[in-house]
Amino acid sequence: MLNELNKINLNQWKENPNISVEIATIIEKASWQRSPFEPLVGRGQDRGIRTYLTKNGEPFRPRLKAALTGDGVEGNTDFEANLDNLEILSQTIYPKIVGNALKSQVKHYQSMEQIDFIKESVQSLTDWITNKRDRNFITALSNDLSNAVICDSASSFKDTTSEASVQEASKKIVKGDVCNVKALRRAIMMARSGINYQGKDAYPLKPIRSATHTLNGLNVQNYSYIILLDTYQINQLKNDPEWIAMQKVGVRGDKNNLFTGLIGLIDECPVLDMGVWTDTQVGLLNSEVSEASFRANINPANVSNITPPSDYAGTQPVSIGFLIGASALVMVGSDKVNFYIDEAQDAGRKILCGCDRLLAIAKAKFETTQGILSPYSNTDFATIGIISSKE
């Protein structure tokens, strides 16, 4: 996508103000092309990351509806005899401006070194935007999990029915409690049936629309949950005999080739390798990632409780993966970046290039807004953690 910069005469940026607008459009498109989250994004309620547009930084309340739970009426009974409750459960999200900028060397040095500063800046700022946004997605998913499957070496997944929280349950992980097929199937079952880690009722997760394919001349939509694992969990899964046997037969993901990093399917749910979080690359968090790195990529205004990844570990480091459904994450803000070029730096000897956007990213959580305490209150809308030993 950044090849489109070659079609723009960057030297005319002072005479043509539309050049900055064109560059901003290129940055936006290119930043998504480089992101593994791109296939999950959309404005529909069946997307994994649901987007909402806003033009200002005022608090925003995305609407999430709970399922109707009433028994309804039968026969000649009036509707009024058994009215149901329409619960609009939501959270308040606070967008903010995020941006970054670069300042050139003295123009004479740029000429000597044959540096096209504007073009180089666009490429670097695109990478920064992609990394910043994707890290925001990951920290939001990891923070304050209300439901999870905890892997276990003996029983595939631990009995967590008596645990007070996901964090307390995951601290029971010891070496050898690695990711496995049965644990992932447990997460899928919990998502479909609406069960939490304590065995109590939870909100059933709606699947994500993942791809469209043609079958016998008809366009068919695929709907499934998406399983996101880090590289440690992926390697553990590949060593599971049940996984090895599964990959020898059946569909190997050709219906879901929209997803990058696909390593296989479990019960028609794509499994993706999301990599490992480091200072130089974006990936899923583990308990050994520093709290400072975590906090630098989460907006505390958009969460009620902050749980750094170390909060999930006891004596053994843990990896944190996820099963996500539709509307697991919400992204609020402008639909594109703004790009700026300013030559009035250091008495006109240097150029500043920068970009910013209005943005808020949060994990979708239920918050009752009508004064009725719902069983879903303060729970994740469409996220189940998959926590295993980091080894």
Protein backbone atom coordinates (compact mmCIF):
# COMPACT_ATOMS: atom_id res chain seq x y z
CA MET A 1 0.00 0.00 0.00
CA LEU A 2 2.85 2.41 0.75
CA ASN A 3 3.88 1.98 -2.90
CA GLU A 4 1.08 4.44 -3.65
CA LEU A 5 3.35 7.15 -2.27
CA ASN A 6 5.25 6.90 -5.55
CA LYS A 7 2.17 8.28 -7.32
CA ILE A 8 2.26 11.48 -5.25
CA ASN A 9 4.66 14.34 -5.94
CA LEU A 10 5.70 14.92 -2.34
CA ASN A 11 7.76 17.95 -3.35
CA GLN A 12 4.54 19.86 -4.02
CA TRP A 13 3.18 19.54 -0.50
CA LYS A 14 3.40 23.32 0.10
CA GLU A 15 1.46 24.20 -3.07
CA ASN A 16 -1.10 21.41 -2.79
CA PRO A 17 -2.75 20.95 0.66
CA ASN A 18 -4.51 17.81 -0.60
CA ILE A 19 -1.21 15.95 -0.53
CA SER A 20 -1.38 15.67 3.25
CA VAL A 21 -4.91 14.29 2.95
CA GLU A 22 -3.79 11.72 0.37
CA ILE A 23 -0.87 10.68 2.55
CA ALA A 24 -3.21 10.28 5.54
CA THR A 25 -5.45 7.96 3.49
CA ILE A 26 -2.46 5.86 2.46
CA ILE A 27 -1.26 5.59 6.07
CA GLU A 28 -4.68 4.44 7.27
CA LYS A 29 -5.00 1.71 4.63
CA ALA A 30 -1.42 0.53 5.02
CA SER A 31 -1.64 0.37 8.80
CA TRP A 32 -4.53 -2.10 8.59
CA GLN A 33 -2.89 -4.20 5.90
CA ARG A 34 -0.02 -4.88 8.30
CA SER A 35 -2.28 -5.83 11.21
CA PRO A 36 -3.49 -9.37 12.04
CA PHE A 37 -6.62 -7.75 13.50
CA GLU A 38 -7.75 -6.30 10.14
CA PRO A 39 -10.08 -9.24 9.21
CA LEU A 40 -11.94 -8.78 12.51
CA VAL A 41 -12.77 -5.09 12.12
CA GLY A 42 -16.10 -3.64 10.99
CA ARG A 43 -19.16 -1.68 11.99
CA GLY A 44 -21.54 -4.63 12.05
CA GLN A 45 -22.52 -6.45 15.22
CA ASP A 46 -21.01 -9.67 13.84
CA ARG A 47 -17.45 -8.30 13.74
CA GLY A 48 -14.84 -9.19 16.35
CA ILE A 49 -13.77 -5.53 16.68
CA ARG A 50 -16.77 -3.26 16.34
CA THR A 51 -16.04 0.31 15.27
CA TYR A 52 -17.97 3.47 16.10
CA LEU A 53 -17.29 6.85 14.51
CA THR A 54 -17.17 10.04 16.54
CA LYS A 55 -15.79 13.45 15.64
CA ASN A 56 -15.04 14.70 19.12
CA GLY A 57 -13.51 13.53 22.36
CA GLU A 58 -16.74 13.45 24.35
CA PRO A 59 -17.55 10.26 26.27
CA PHE A 60 -19.14 7.61 24.06
CA ARG A 61 -21.47 4.78 25.04
CA PRO A 62 -21.59 1.86 22.60
CA ARG A 63 -24.81 -0.12 23.01
CA LEU A 64 -24.69 -3.86 23.72
CA LYS A 65 -27.95 -5.73 24.14
CA ALA A 66 -28.50 -8.67 26.44
CA ALA A 67 -30.68 -11.55 25.28
CA LEU A 68 -34.36 -11.57 26.23
CA THR A 69 -34.92 -14.04 29.05
CA GLY A 70 -38.69 -13.90 29.60
CA ASP A 71 -41.03 -16.83 29.00
CA GLY A 72 -43.34 -14.87 26.72
CA VAL A 73 -47.06 -15.56 26.47
CA GLU A 74 -49.21 -18.27 24.93
CA GLY A 75 -52.73 -18.55 23.64
CA ASN A 76 -55.12 -15.76 24.58
CA THR A 77 -52.88 -14.26 27.27
CA ASP A 78 -52.28 -10.51 26.93
CA PHE A 79 -48.71 -9.37 26.26
CA GLU A 80 -48.92 -7.18 29.36
CA ALA A 81 -49.21 -10.25 31.57
CA ASN A 82 -45.57 -11.17 31.03
CA LEU A 83 -43.59 -8.31 29.51
CA ASP A 84 -39.88 -8.89 29.05
CA ASN A 85 -37.05 -6.47 29.89
CA LEU A 86 -35.00 -4.92 27.10
CA GLU A 87 -31.59 -4.55 28.72
CA ILE A 88 -29.23 -2.16 26.99
CA LEU A 89 -25.95 -2.83 28.72
CA SER A 90 -23.06 -0.58 27.87
CA GLN A 91 -19.89 1.10 29.06
CA THR A 92 -18.54 4.61 28.81
CA ILE A 93 -15.50 5.03 26.58
CA TYR A 94 -13.33 8.12 26.49
CA PRO A 95 -11.61 8.84 23.16
CA LYS A 96 -8.36 10.78 23.16
CA ILE A 97 -5.92 12.12 20.60
CA VAL A 98 -2.94 9.84 19.99
CA GLY A 99 -0.12 10.80 17.68
CA ASN A 100 3.58 10.89 16.96
CA ALA A 101 6.00 13.05 14.96
CA LEU A 102 9.52 13.11 13.53
CA LYS A 103 11.86 16.04 12.93
CA SER A 104 14.40 15.99 10.13
CA GLN A 105 18.05 16.87 10.17
CA VAL A 106 19.19 20.11 8.57
CA LYS A 107 18.09 20.03 4.94
CA HIS A 108 21.68 20.20 3.73
CA TYR A 109 22.44 16.90 5.48
CA GLN A 110 19.36 15.31 3.98
CA SER A 111 20.64 16.16 0.50
CA MET A 112 24.07 14.78 1.27
CA GLU A 113 22.63 11.50 2.56
CA GLN A 114 19.96 11.34 -0.19
CA ILE A 115 17.14 10.99 2.34
CA ASP A 116 13.55 11.64 1.29
CA PHE A 117 12.47 12.64 4.80
CA ILE A 118 8.73 12.87 4.14
CA LYS A 119 8.56 9.45 2.51
CA GLU A 120 10.68 7.85 5.21
CA SER A 121 8.53 9.49 7.89
CA VAL A 122 5.32 8.15 6.36
CA GLN A 123 6.69 4.61 6.45
CA SER A 124 7.88 4.88 10.05
CA LEU A 125 4.70 6.57 11.28
CA THR A 126 2.59 3.88 9.60
CA ASP A 127 4.49 1.21 11.51
CA TRP A 128 4.06 3.18 14.73
CA ILE A 129 0.30 3.56 14.26
CA THR A 130 -0.10 -0.16 13.55
CA ASN A 131 1.93 -1.15 16.59
CA LYS A 132 0.27 1.34 18.92
CA ARG A 133 -3.26 0.35 17.91
CA ASP A 134 -2.56 -3.41 17.99
CA ARG A 135 -0.92 -3.18 21.42
CA ASN A 136 -4.02 -1.32 22.62
CA PHE A 137 -6.18 -4.20 21.35
CA ILE A 138 -4.09 -6.78 23.20
CA THR A 139 -3.86 -4.95 26.52
CA ALA A 140 -7.62 -4.35 26.42
CA LEU A 141 -8.33 -8.06 25.84
CA SER A 142 -5.97 -9.13 28.64
CA ASN A 143 -7.16 -6.68 31.25
CA ASP A 144 -9.54 -7.80 34.01
CA LEU A 145 -10.69 -11.07 32.43
CA SER A 146 -14.05 -12.21 33.82
CA ASN A 147 -14.03 -15.65 32.20
CA ALA A 148 -11.26 -18.08 31.27
CA VAL A 149 -10.13 -21.66 30.82
CA ILE A 150 -7.07 -22.57 32.91
CA CYS A 151 -4.97 -25.32 31.34
CA ASP A 152 -3.92 -28.35 33.38
CA SER A 153 -1.40 -31.14 32.73
CA ALA A 154 -3.50 -33.92 34.30
CA SER A 155 -7.07 -32.97 33.39
CA SER A 156 -6.46 -30.71 30.34
CA PHE A 157 -8.19 -27.84 32.18
CA LYS A 158 -8.52 -27.07 35.87
CA ASP A 159 -11.70 -27.20 37.94
CA THR A 160 -12.19 -23.52 38.77
CA THR A 161 -15.74 -23.66 40.12
CA SER A 162 -14.65 -22.59 43.61
CA GLU A 163 -12.24 -19.83 42.56
CA ALA A 164 -13.15 -16.23 43.41
CA SER A 165 -11.68 -14.70 40.23
CA VAL A 166 -9.90 -15.57 37.01
CA GLN A 167 -6.70 -14.11 38.45
CA GLU A 168 -6.86 -16.39 41.50
CA ALA A 169 -7.64 -19.40 39.32
CA SER A 170 -4.73 -18.79 36.94
CA LYS A 171 -2.27 -18.49 39.83
CA LYS A 172 -2.73 -22.24 40.35
CA ILE A 173 -0.84 -22.94 37.11
CA VAL A 174 2.38 -24.91 37.53
CA LYS A 175 4.99 -26.09 35.08
CA GLY A 176 3.49 -28.61 32.67
CA ASP A 177 0.04 -26.99 32.48
CA VAL A 178 0.35 -26.42 28.75
CA CYS A 179 -2.18 -25.47 26.08
CA ASN A 180 -4.06 -28.41 24.59
CA VAL A 181 -7.00 -29.31 22.37
CA LYS A 182 -9.36 -30.26 25.21
CA ALA A 183 -8.84 -26.89 26.90
CA LEU A 184 -9.67 -25.07 23.66
CA ARG A 185 -12.76 -27.21 23.18
CA ARG A 186 -13.78 -26.35 26.72
CA ALA A 187 -13.54 -22.65 25.83
CA ILE A 188 -15.66 -23.21 22.70
CA MET A 189 -18.29 -25.09 24.72
CA MET A 190 -18.38 -22.31 27.35
CA ALA A 191 -18.81 -19.71 24.62
CA ARG A 192 -21.68 -21.54 22.93
CA SER A 193 -23.55 -22.60 26.04
CA GLY A 194 -23.03 -19.49 28.16
CA ILE A 195 -21.02 -20.86 31.10
CA ASN A 196 -18.34 -19.07 33.08
CA TYR A 197 -15.25 -20.43 34.84
CA GLN A 198 -17.31 -21.04 38.01
CA GLY A 199 -19.86 -23.13 36.13
CA LYS A 200 -22.47 -20.39 36.41
CA ASP A 201 -24.57 -18.77 33.68
CA ALA A 202 -22.79 -16.28 31.46
CA TYR A 203 -23.67 -14.45 28.28
CA PRO A 204 -23.40 -16.83 25.29
CA LEU A 205 -20.90 -15.45 22.81
CA LYS A 206 -22.11 -14.62 19.33
CA PRO A 207 -19.76 -15.95 16.62
CA ILE A 208 -17.84 -13.71 14.23
CA ARG A 209 -18.55 -13.51 10.51
CA SER A 210 -15.19 -14.62 9.19
CA ALA A 211 -15.43 -15.13 5.43
CA THR A 212 -17.67 -15.61 2.43
CA HIS A 213 -17.24 -18.55 0.08
CA THR A 214 -19.25 -20.07 -2.76
CA LEU A 215 -20.85 -23.47 -2.31
CA ASN A 216 -22.85 -24.98 -5.19
CA GLY A 217 -23.32 -21.51 -6.65
CA LEU A 218 -24.54 -19.97 -3.38
CA ASN A 219 -22.68 -17.38 -1.30
CA VAL A 220 -22.20 -18.84 2.18
CA GLN A 221 -21.08 -16.89 5.24
CA ASN A 222 -18.80 -18.55 7.79
CA TYR A 223 -19.53 -17.78 11.42
CA SER A 224 -17.17 -18.96 14.11
CA TYR A 225 -15.24 -18.01 17.19
CA ILE A 226 -11.61 -17.01 16.77
CA ILE A 227 -8.87 -18.46 18.98
CA LEU A 228 -5.83 -16.24 19.48
CA LEU A 229 -2.73 -17.87 21.02
CA ASP A 230 0.84 -16.78 21.57
CA THR A 231 3.74 -18.69 20.05
CA TYR A 232 4.44 -20.63 23.26
CA GLN A 233 0.86 -21.88 23.30
CA ILE A 234 0.96 -22.68 19.58
CA ASN A 235 4.08 -24.82 20.01
CA GLN A 236 2.47 -26.61 22.96
CA LEU A 237 -0.65 -27.24 20.91
CA LYS A 238 1.39 -28.68 18.04
CA ASN A 239 2.86 -31.22 20.46
CA ASP A 240 -0.58 -32.40 21.59
CA PRO A 241 -1.23 -35.84 20.01
CA GLU A 242 -4.90 -34.96 19.60
CA TRP A 243 -3.98 -31.84 17.60
CA ILE A 244 -1.57 -33.83 15.42
CA ALA A 245 -4.30 -36.35 14.64
CA MET A 246 -6.84 -33.61 13.87
CA GLN A 247 -4.61 -31.95 11.29
CA LYS A 248 -4.27 -35.16 9.30
CA VAL A 249 -7.95 -35.14 8.34
CA GLY A 250 -10.70 -32.70 7.53
CA VAL A 251 -10.67 -29.07 6.54
CA ARG A 252 -7.38 -27.24 7.02
CA GLY A 253 -8.71 -23.72 6.95
CA ASP A 254 -9.31 -23.12 3.24
CA LYS A 255 -12.68 -21.57 4.09
CA ASN A 256 -11.00 -19.12 6.42
CA ASN A 257 -8.01 -18.04 4.33
CA LEU A 258 -8.94 -14.45 5.10
CA PHE A 259 -7.10 -14.89 8.40
CA THR A 260 -3.34 -14.52 8.54
CA GLY A 261 -1.33 -16.78 10.82
CA LEU A 262 -3.96 -19.55 10.65
CA ILE A 263 -2.44 -22.83 11.85
CA GLY A 264 -5.60 -24.95 11.85
CA LEU A 265 -9.18 -25.35 13.02
CA ILE A 266 -10.82 -26.74 16.13
CA ASP A 267 -14.54 -27.41 15.69
CA GLU A 268 -14.52 -24.95 12.75
CA CYS A 269 -12.92 -22.23 14.91
CA PRO A 270 -9.72 -20.80 13.39
CA VAL A 271 -6.61 -20.90 15.59
CA LEU A 272 -4.16 -18.04 14.99
CA ASP A 273 -0.55 -17.57 16.05
CA MET A 274 -0.41 -13.97 17.29
CA GLY A 275 3.25 -14.01 18.32
CA VAL A 276 4.79 -12.87 21.60
CA TRP A 277 4.86 -9.33 23.01
CA THR A 278 8.36 -7.80 23.08
CA ASP A 279 9.78 -4.30 22.92
CA THR A 280 10.29 -4.70 19.17
CA GLN A 281 7.20 -6.63 18.05
CA VAL A 282 3.50 -6.82 18.79
CA GLY A 283 2.17 -10.08 20.18
CA LEU A 284 0.10 -11.51 23.01
CA LEU A 285 1.05 -10.71 26.58
CA ASN A 286 2.53 -13.06 29.11
CA SER A 287 3.13 -12.57 32.82
CA GLU A 288 6.79 -11.68 32.27
CA VAL A 289 5.97 -8.54 30.25
CA SER A 290 6.69 -5.49 32.37
CA GLU A 291 3.85 -3.63 34.02
CA ALA A 292 5.24 -0.38 32.60
CA SER A 293 4.93 -1.72 29.05
CA PHE A 294 1.37 -2.84 29.75
CA ARG A 295 0.27 0.46 31.29
CA ALA A 296 1.81 2.46 28.44
CA ASN A 297 -0.67 0.81 26.08
CA ILE A 298 -3.95 0.92 27.98
CA ASN A 299 -6.17 3.91 28.69
CA PRO A 300 -7.11 3.74 32.39
CA ALA A 301 -10.16 5.92 31.72
CA ASN A 302 -11.73 3.06 29.73
CA VAL A 303 -11.42 0.36 32.41
CA SER A 304 -12.75 0.09 35.93
CA ASN A 305 -9.95 -2.15 37.15
CA ILE A 306 -6.40 -2.56 35.85
CA THR A 307 -4.82 -6.03 36.02
CA PRO A 308 -1.26 -6.19 34.64
CA PRO A 309 -0.32 -9.57 33.13
CA SER A 310 1.74 -10.44 36.22
CA ASP A 311 -1.54 -10.53 38.20
CA TYR A 312 -2.41 -13.82 36.48
CA ALA A 313 0.75 -15.66 37.58
CA GLY A 314 1.68 -17.39 40.80
CA THR A 315 5.01 -19.20 40.95
CA GLN A 316 5.00 -20.13 37.24
CA PRO A 317 4.97 -17.61 34.34
CA VAL A 318 1.83 -17.83 32.21
CA SER A 319 0.81 -17.13 28.61
CA ILE A 320 -2.52 -15.41 27.99
CA GLY A 321 -4.51 -16.35 24.89
CA PHE A 322 -8.16 -15.78 24.01
CA LEU A 323 -11.30 -17.08 22.41
CA ILE A 324 -13.24 -14.11 21.09
CA GLY A 325 -16.70 -13.68 19.62
CA ALA A 326 -18.55 -10.84 17.94
CA SER A 327 -18.01 -7.39 19.49
CA ALA A 328 -15.23 -8.59 21.78
CA LEU A 329 -13.52 -5.23 21.32
CA VAL A 330 -14.86 -1.78 20.53
CA MET A 331 -12.94 0.97 18.78
CA VAL A 332 -14.27 4.52 18.91
CA GLY A 333 -12.87 7.53 17.11
CA SER A 334 -12.20 9.06 13.71
CA ASP A 335 -12.18 6.93 10.59
CA LYS A 336 -8.72 8.06 9.45
CA VAL A 337 -5.49 9.62 10.61
CA ASN A 338 -4.43 13.23 10.11
CA PHE A 339 -1.02 13.88 8.57
CA TYR A 340 0.94 17.08 9.07
CA ILE A 341 3.99 18.61 7.40
CA ASP A 342 5.59 21.68 9.01
CA GLU A 343 8.66 23.38 7.55
CA ALA A 344 8.79 26.12 10.18
CA GLN A 345 11.26 24.24 12.37
CA ASP A 346 14.65 25.56 13.48
CA ALA A 347 14.37 28.78 11.44
CA GLY A 348 13.14 26.81 8.42
CA ARG A 349 16.14 24.48 8.27
CA LYS A 350 14.23 21.35 9.31
CA ILE A 351 10.91 19.66 8.56
CA LEU A 352 8.50 18.07 11.03
CA CYS A 353 6.17 15.26 9.93
CA GLY A 354 3.49 14.01 12.24
CA CYS A 355 0.18 12.20 12.41
CA ASP A 356 -2.58 11.78 14.96
CA ARG A 357 -6.11 10.50 15.33
CA LEU A 358 -8.99 10.43 17.79
CA LEU A 359 -9.06 6.94 19.25
CA ALA A 360 -10.40 4.81 22.08
CA ILE A 361 -10.03 1.03 22.31
CA ALA A 362 -11.68 -1.06 25.00
CA LYS A 363 -12.81 -4.60 25.63
CA ALA A 364 -16.58 -4.72 25.47
CA LYS A 365 -18.01 -5.20 28.96
CA PHE A 366 -21.55 -5.18 30.26
CA GLU A 367 -22.52 -2.29 32.50
CA THR A 368 -26.17 -1.95 33.50
CA THR A 369 -27.57 1.46 32.54
CA GLN A 370 -31.21 1.07 33.58
CA GLY A 371 -30.81 0.48 37.32
CA ILE A 372 -31.52 -3.25 37.02
CA LEU A 373 -28.68 -5.46 38.17
CA SER A 374 -28.18 -7.96 35.36
CA PRO A 375 -26.33 -11.26 35.85
CA TYR A 376 -24.09 -10.05 33.04
CA SER A 377 -23.02 -6.85 34.81
CA ASN A 378 -19.27 -6.19 34.89
CA THR A 379 -18.50 -9.18 32.69
CA ASP A 380 -16.79 -9.40 29.34
CA PHE A 381 -19.20 -9.35 26.42
CA ALA A 382 -17.37 -11.76 24.11
CA THR A 383 -13.95 -12.74 25.49
CA ILE A 384 -12.77 -15.92 27.21
CA GLY A 385 -9.16 -16.13 28.34
CA ILE A 386 -7.04 -19.22 27.63
CA ILE A 387 -4.25 -19.29 30.20
CA SER A 388 -1.40 -21.80 30.25
CA SER A 389 2.14 -22.22 31.52
CA LYS A 390 4.72 -20.16 29.63
CA GLU A 391 7.28 -22.78 28.68
